[in-house]
C-alpha atoms as a PDB file:
ATOM      1  CA  MET A   1     -12.253   3.360  -8.443  1.00  0.00           C
ATOM      2  CA  SER A   2     -14.900   1.668  -6.367  1.00  0.00           C
ATOM      3  CA  ASP A   3     -16.168   2.948  -3.040  1.00  0.00           C
ATOM      4  CA  ALA A   4     -14.871  -0.203  -1.366  1.00  0.00           C
ATOM      5  CA  GLN A   5     -11.364   0.359  -2.745  1.00  0.00           C
ATOM      6  CA  SER A   6     -11.412   4.002  -1.649  1.00  0.00           C
ATOM      7  CA  ARG A   7     -12.475   2.958   1.839  1.00  0.00           C
ATOM      8  CA  LEU A   8      -9.616   0.450   2.075  1.00  0.00           C
ATOM      9  CA  GLU A   9      -7.133   3.071   0.903  1.00  0.00           C
ATOM     10  CA  ARG A  10      -8.376   5.540   3.526  1.00  0.00           C
ATOM     11  CA  ARG A  11      -7.987   2.862   6.194  1.00  0.00           C
ATOM     12  CA  SER A  12      -4.427   2.187   5.021  1.00  0.00           C
ATOM     13  CA  VAL A  13      -3.641   5.910   5.104  1.00  0.00           C
ATOM     14  CA  LYS A  14      -4.973   6.117   8.662  1.00  0.00           C
ATOM     15  CA  ALA A  15      -2.844   3.133   9.746  1.00  0.00           C
ATOM     16  CA  LEU A  16       0.293   4.601   8.147  1.00  0.00           C
ATOM     17  CA  GLU A  17      -0.328   8.066   9.588  1.00  0.00           C
ATOM     18  CA  SER A  18      -0.630   6.531  13.061  1.00  0.00           C
ATOM     19  CA  CYS A  19       2.942   5.273  12.530  1.00  0.00           C
ATOM     20  CA  GLY A  20       4.175   8.773  11.716  1.00  0.00           C
ATOM     21  CA  TYR A  21       4.019   8.777   7.910  1.00  0.00           C
ATOM     22  CA  GLU A  22       2.594  11.506   5.732  1.00  0.00           C
ATOM     23  CA  CYS A  23       0.565   9.913   2.961  1.00  0.00           C
ATOM     24  CA  LEU A  24      -0.372  10.773  -0.572  1.00  0.00           C
ATOM     25  CA  ARG A  25      -3.048   8.725  -2.325  1.00  0.00           C
ATOM     26  CA  LEU A  26      -2.002   7.993  -5.900  1.00  0.00           C
ATOM     27  CA  THR A  27      -5.361   8.067  -7.645  1.00  0.00           C
ATOM     28  CA  GLY A  28      -5.530   6.697 -11.149  1.00  0.00           C
ATOM     29  CA  ARG A  29      -2.510   4.467 -10.679  1.00  0.00           C
ATOM     30  CA  ASP A  30      -2.688   0.756 -11.429  1.00  0.00           C
ATOM     31  CA  ARG A  31       0.205  -0.536  -9.389  1.00  0.00           C
ATOM     32  CA  TRP A  32       0.586   1.646  -6.306  1.00  0.00           C
ATOM     33  CA  ASN A  33      -2.193   3.315  -4.332  1.00  0.00           C
ATOM     34  CA  ILE A  34      -0.311   5.224  -1.626  1.00  0.00           C
ATOM     35  CA  LEU A  35       3.045   6.910  -1.184  1.00  0.00           C
ATOM     36  CA  ALA A  36       3.919   7.176   2.516  1.00  0.00           C
ATOM     37  CA  LEU A  37       6.808   9.426   3.553  1.00  0.00           C
ATOM     38  CA  SER A  38       8.737   9.891   6.769  1.00  0.00           C
ATOM     39  CA  GLN A  39      11.972  11.756   7.491  1.00  0.00           C
ATOM     40  CA  THR A  40      14.002   8.579   6.957  1.00  0.00           C
ATOM     41  CA  ASP A  41      12.192   6.461   4.391  1.00  0.00           C
ATOM     42  CA  ALA A  42       9.380   6.077   1.903  1.00  0.00           C
ATOM     43  CA  ILE A  43       6.878   3.304   1.297  1.00  0.00           C
ATOM     44  CA  LEU A  44       4.963   2.450  -1.857  1.00  0.00           C
ATOM     45  CA  VAL A  45       1.730   0.693  -0.872  1.00  0.00           C
ATOM     46  CA  LYS A  46      -0.585  -1.513  -2.911  1.00  0.00           C
ATOM     47  CA  VAL A  47      -3.968  -1.823  -1.195  1.00  0.00           C
ATOM     48  CA  ALA A  48      -6.006  -4.949  -1.900  1.00  0.00           C
ATOM     49  CA  ARG A  49      -8.891  -7.004  -0.594  1.00  0.00           C
ATOM     50  CA  ASP A  50      -7.550 -10.282  -1.981  1.00  0.00           C
ATOM     51  CA  ALA A  51      -4.048 -11.679  -1.979  1.00  0.00           C
ATOM     52  CA  PRO A  52      -2.157 -10.758  -5.139  1.00  0.00           C
ATOM     53  CA  THR A  53      -1.433 -13.426  -7.705  1.00  0.00           C
ATOM     54  CA  PRO A  54       2.166 -14.590  -8.036  1.00  0.00           C
ATOM     55  CA  GLU A  55       2.362 -12.672 -11.330  1.00  0.00           C
ATOM     56  CA  GLU A  56       1.147  -9.441  -9.689  1.00  0.00           C
ATOM     57  CA  THR A  57       3.614  -9.906  -6.844  1.00  0.00           C
ATOM     58  CA  GLU A  58       6.513 -10.401  -9.250  1.00  0.00           C
ATOM     59  CA  ASP A  59       5.440  -7.359 -11.267  1.00  0.00           C
ATOM     60  CA  LEU A  60       5.435  -5.186  -8.140  1.00  0.00           C
ATOM     61  CA  LYS A  61       8.779  -6.589  -6.968  1.00  0.00           C
ATOM     62  CA  SER A  62      10.414  -5.908 -10.322  1.00  0.00           C
ATOM     63  CA  LEU A  63       9.713  -2.164 -10.285  1.00  0.00           C
ATOM     64  CA  ARG A  64      12.775  -0.126  -9.439  1.00  0.00           C
ATOM     65  CA  CYS A  65      12.734   2.346  -6.580  1.00  0.00           C
ATOM     66  CA  PRO A  66      15.316   4.203  -4.433  1.00  0.00           C
ATOM     67  CA  GLU A  67      17.164   2.283  -1.712  1.00  0.00           C
ATOM     68  CA  ASN A  68      15.306   4.015   1.112  1.00  0.00           C
ATOM     69  CA  CYS A  69      11.924   3.130  -0.413  1.00  0.00           C
ATOM     70  CA  ARG A  70      10.111  -0.039   0.600  1.00  0.00           C
ATOM     71  CA  LYS A  71       7.325  -1.725  -1.342  1.00  0.00           C
ATOM     72  CA  ILE A  72       4.474  -3.339   0.587  1.00  0.00           C
ATOM     73  CA  ILE A  73       1.011  -4.731   0.049  1.00  0.00           C
ATOM     74  CA  HIS A  74      -1.780  -3.966   2.530  1.00  0.00           C
ATOM     75  CA  ARG A  75      -4.254  -6.817   2.313  1.00  0.00           C
ATOM     76  CA  TRP A  76      -7.498  -6.086   4.120  1.00  0.00           C
ATOM     77  CA  ARG A  77      -9.427  -9.125   5.321  1.00  0.00           C
ATOM     78  CA  ARG A  78     -13.083  -8.700   6.089  1.00  0.00           C
ATOM     79  CA  ARG A  79     -13.738  -7.253   9.565  1.00  0.00           C
ATOM     80  CA  ALA A  80      -9.995  -6.832  10.207  1.00  0.00           C
ATOM     81  CA  ARG A  81      -8.870  -3.850  12.257  1.00  0.00           C
ATOM     82  CA  LEU A  82      -5.458  -3.747  10.588  1.00  0.00           C
ATOM     83  CA  PRO A  83      -4.203  -5.039   7.253  1.00  0.00           C
ATOM     84  CA  ASP A  84      -1.972  -8.011   6.642  1.00  0.00           C
ATOM     85  CA  VAL A  85       1.303  -6.493   5.481  1.00  0.00           C
ATOM     86  CA  LEU A  86       3.362  -8.238   2.817  1.00  0.00           C
ATOM     87  CA  VAL A  87       6.821  -6.715   2.367  1.00  0.00           C
ATOM     88  CA  LEU A  88       8.119  -7.153  -1.160  1.00  0.00           C
END
């Protein structure tokens, strides 16, 4: 994992924690980078610098998860304070 990717993941964790989630970084995973948990739901997060390709998006959408689990992509644009959030 590159330093840049790690930095983006830490920024995503910080943003999610500010919304009340407890986060676990999923190191060594290809698809999901963060699992964010609250008392009522869970979020699987893919952290990226660039927008995912349509094939990557479809791959992430197709993965099964529990009903109370959302799947999102945090896309970090350069110099952005918060990520663009794509809900899958």
